Amino acid sequence: MVTPLNNGETMTSENDQLNPVLRAADEQLTERMGIEIIESGPDRVVATMPVQGNRQPYGLLHGGANAVLAETVGSVAAALHAGAGRIAVGLELSCTHHRAVTEGVVTAVATALHRGMTTATYDIKITDEQGRRTCSARLTCALRKQPPRR
């Protein structure tokens, strides 16, 4: 299923009630970072992010940008797993940076490791345009009842 978040298209998902929650990402950090979700489901989420605009002072992709991308794909997958009326919040994120990237686009693929009732854990692989792994990450999200809107 395709889920572009930052180009104004309508998102499709297995659970249309989640669309407003995931669409809200369009107004936040994901838009500033240029992250575009291109596939989404509770077992796998794929997104891309440009290197340009997300570099540290030495011209390399910022490690924090990798972390934002990893947490985005993992959190979206966890939210889709959690279902309507529930939310996913990051509990623990670990990133190992393997290779520097100076240009182009990186792609993150989150794959479910554990999908429980109260937690969900995802393995995230970030690669460059040549398919080389640039970062390995693991995210665990806590799954909770959605609090009332203020």
Protein backbone atom coordinates (compact mmCIF):
# COMPACT_ATOMS: atom_id res chain seq x y z
CA MET A 1 0.00 0.00 0.00
CA VAL A 2 1.35 3.45 -0.89
CA THR A 3 1.35 6.27 1.65
CA PRO A 4 2.95 9.52 0.49
CA LEU A 5 2.68 11.88 3.46
CA ASN A 6 4.28 15.08 2.31
CA ASN A 7 2.92 15.61 -1.17
CA GLY A 8 -0.73 16.23 -0.36
CA GLU A 9 -2.09 12.96 -1.78
CA THR A 10 -4.66 10.96 0.12
CA MET A 11 -3.15 8.12 2.09
CA THR A 12 -4.44 4.58 1.75
CA SER A 13 -4.14 2.11 4.59
CA GLU A 14 -5.69 -1.06 5.94
CA ASN A 15 -7.41 1.08 8.55
CA ASP A 16 -8.74 4.42 7.30
CA GLN A 17 -9.30 5.57 10.90
CA LEU A 18 -5.51 5.85 11.27
CA ASN A 19 -5.18 8.23 8.33
CA PRO A 20 -5.66 11.45 10.37
CA VAL A 21 -3.00 10.35 12.88
CA LEU A 22 -0.46 9.48 10.19
CA ARG A 23 -1.36 12.45 8.01
CA ALA A 24 -0.51 14.74 10.95
CA ALA A 25 3.13 13.83 10.36
CA ASP A 26 2.89 15.99 7.23
CA GLU A 27 2.82 19.07 9.45
CA GLN A 28 5.78 18.12 11.58
CA LEU A 29 9.41 17.00 11.44
CA THR A 30 8.91 14.57 8.57
CA GLU A 31 8.02 17.42 6.23
CA ARG A 32 11.02 19.52 7.32
CA MET A 33 13.34 16.56 6.75
CA GLY A 34 11.83 15.75 3.35
CA ILE A 35 10.80 12.25 4.42
CA GLU A 36 8.34 10.55 2.10
CA ILE A 37 6.67 7.30 3.04
CA ILE A 38 6.32 5.18 -0.07
CA GLU A 39 4.98 1.93 1.42
CA SER A 40 3.23 1.28 4.70
CA GLY A 41 1.82 -1.61 6.65
CA PRO A 42 2.13 -3.01 10.17
CA ASP A 43 4.89 -5.44 9.12
CA ARG A 44 6.89 -3.16 6.80
CA VAL A 45 7.26 0.56 6.12
CA VAL A 46 9.55 2.10 3.48
CA ALA A 47 10.48 5.78 3.28
CA THR A 48 13.03 7.99 1.57
CA MET A 49 14.86 11.12 2.73
CA PRO A 50 17.14 13.50 0.82
CA VAL A 51 20.66 14.02 2.08
CA GLN A 52 20.60 17.67 1.01
CA GLY A 53 19.28 19.78 3.86
CA ASN A 54 20.02 17.02 6.38
CA ARG A 55 23.82 17.27 6.57
CA GLN A 56 26.08 18.05 9.51
CA PRO A 57 28.84 20.73 9.20
CA TYR A 58 31.30 18.34 7.49
CA GLY A 59 28.91 17.72 4.61
CA LEU A 60 27.87 14.24 5.73
CA LEU A 61 24.33 13.05 6.38
CA HIS A 62 23.66 13.93 10.02
CA GLY A 63 23.40 10.96 12.36
CA GLY A 64 20.38 12.61 13.93
CA ALA A 65 18.71 12.67 10.52
CA ASN A 66 19.20 8.90 10.33
CA ALA A 67 17.59 8.63 13.76
CA VAL A 68 14.61 10.75 12.68
CA LEU A 69 14.13 8.62 9.56
CA ALA A 70 14.42 5.38 11.55
CA GLU A 71 11.99 6.50 14.23
CA THR A 72 9.55 7.70 11.58
CA VAL A 73 9.33 4.40 9.69
CA GLY A 74 9.25 2.32 12.87
CA SER A 75 6.64 4.52 14.54
CA VAL A 76 4.37 4.50 11.49
CA ALA A 77 4.54 0.70 11.35
CA ALA A 78 3.86 0.45 15.08
CA ALA A 79 0.89 2.85 14.80
CA LEU A 80 -0.57 0.74 12.00
CA HIS A 81 -0.11 -2.36 14.14
CA ALA A 82 -1.64 -0.67 17.21
CA GLY A 83 -4.88 0.05 15.33
CA ALA A 84 -7.62 2.61 15.73
CA GLY A 85 -7.96 4.26 19.13
CA ARG A 86 -4.38 3.43 20.07
CA ILE A 87 -1.05 5.22 19.64
CA ALA A 88 2.58 4.20 19.32
CA VAL A 89 5.27 6.18 21.14
CA GLY A 90 9.00 5.61 20.91
CA LEU A 91 10.44 3.78 23.89
CA GLU A 92 13.98 3.00 22.74
CA LEU A 93 15.96 3.81 19.59
CA SER A 94 19.43 2.53 18.75
CA CYS A 95 21.34 3.57 15.62
CA THR A 96 24.66 2.34 14.29
CA HIS A 97 26.11 4.46 11.49
CA HIS A 98 28.14 2.34 9.05
CA ARG A 99 28.90 4.52 6.03
CA ALA A 100 28.98 8.24 5.30
CA VAL A 101 26.55 9.66 2.73
CA THR A 102 27.16 13.07 1.16
CA GLU A 103 24.49 13.32 -1.54
CA GLY A 104 21.42 11.74 -3.03
CA VAL A 105 18.61 9.99 -1.19
CA VAL A 106 18.63 7.38 1.53
CA THR A 107 15.93 4.73 1.92
CA ALA A 108 14.76 3.23 5.20
CA VAL A 109 12.96 -0.10 5.51
CA ALA A 110 11.38 -1.00 8.84
CA THR A 111 10.60 -4.69 9.33
CA ALA A 112 8.67 -6.03 12.31
CA LEU A 113 10.64 -8.06 14.85
CA HIS A 114 7.91 -8.17 17.50
CA ARG A 115 4.28 -7.05 17.37
CA GLY A 116 2.68 -7.42 20.78
CA MET A 117 -0.21 -5.84 22.62
CA THR A 118 1.87 -3.30 24.58
CA THR A 119 5.11 -3.05 22.56
CA ALA A 120 6.28 -3.36 18.97
CA THR A 121 9.91 -3.62 17.85
CA TYR A 122 11.26 -2.95 14.36
CA ASP A 123 14.56 -3.55 12.61
CA ILE A 124 15.38 -0.60 10.36
CA LYS A 125 17.86 -0.75 7.49
CA ILE A 126 18.92 2.55 5.88
CA THR A 127 20.70 2.36 2.52
CA ASP A 128 22.15 4.77 -0.01
CA GLU A 129 21.22 4.94 -3.69
CA GLN A 130 23.70 2.16 -4.46
CA GLY A 131 21.94 -0.15 -1.98
CA ARG A 132 24.79 -0.02 0.53
CA ARG A 133 23.77 -0.13 4.19
CA THR A 134 24.56 3.21 5.79
CA CYS A 135 22.80 2.75 9.13
CA SER A 136 21.24 -0.06 11.16
CA ALA A 137 18.62 0.88 13.72
CA ARG A 138 16.21 -0.78 16.09
CA LEU A 139 13.12 0.89 17.51
CA THR A 140 10.79 -0.28 20.24
CA CYS A 141 7.50 1.55 20.64
CA ALA A 142 5.07 1.41 23.53
CA LEU A 143 1.46 0.92 22.39
CA ARG A 144 -1.11 2.80 24.41
CA LYS A 145 -4.75 3.84 24.33
CA GLN A 146 -5.08 7.16 22.49
CA PRO A 147 -5.61 9.98 25.00
CA PRO A 148 -8.62 12.28 24.51
CA ARG A 149 -7.97 15.24 22.21
CA ARG A 150 -7.61 18.59 23.95
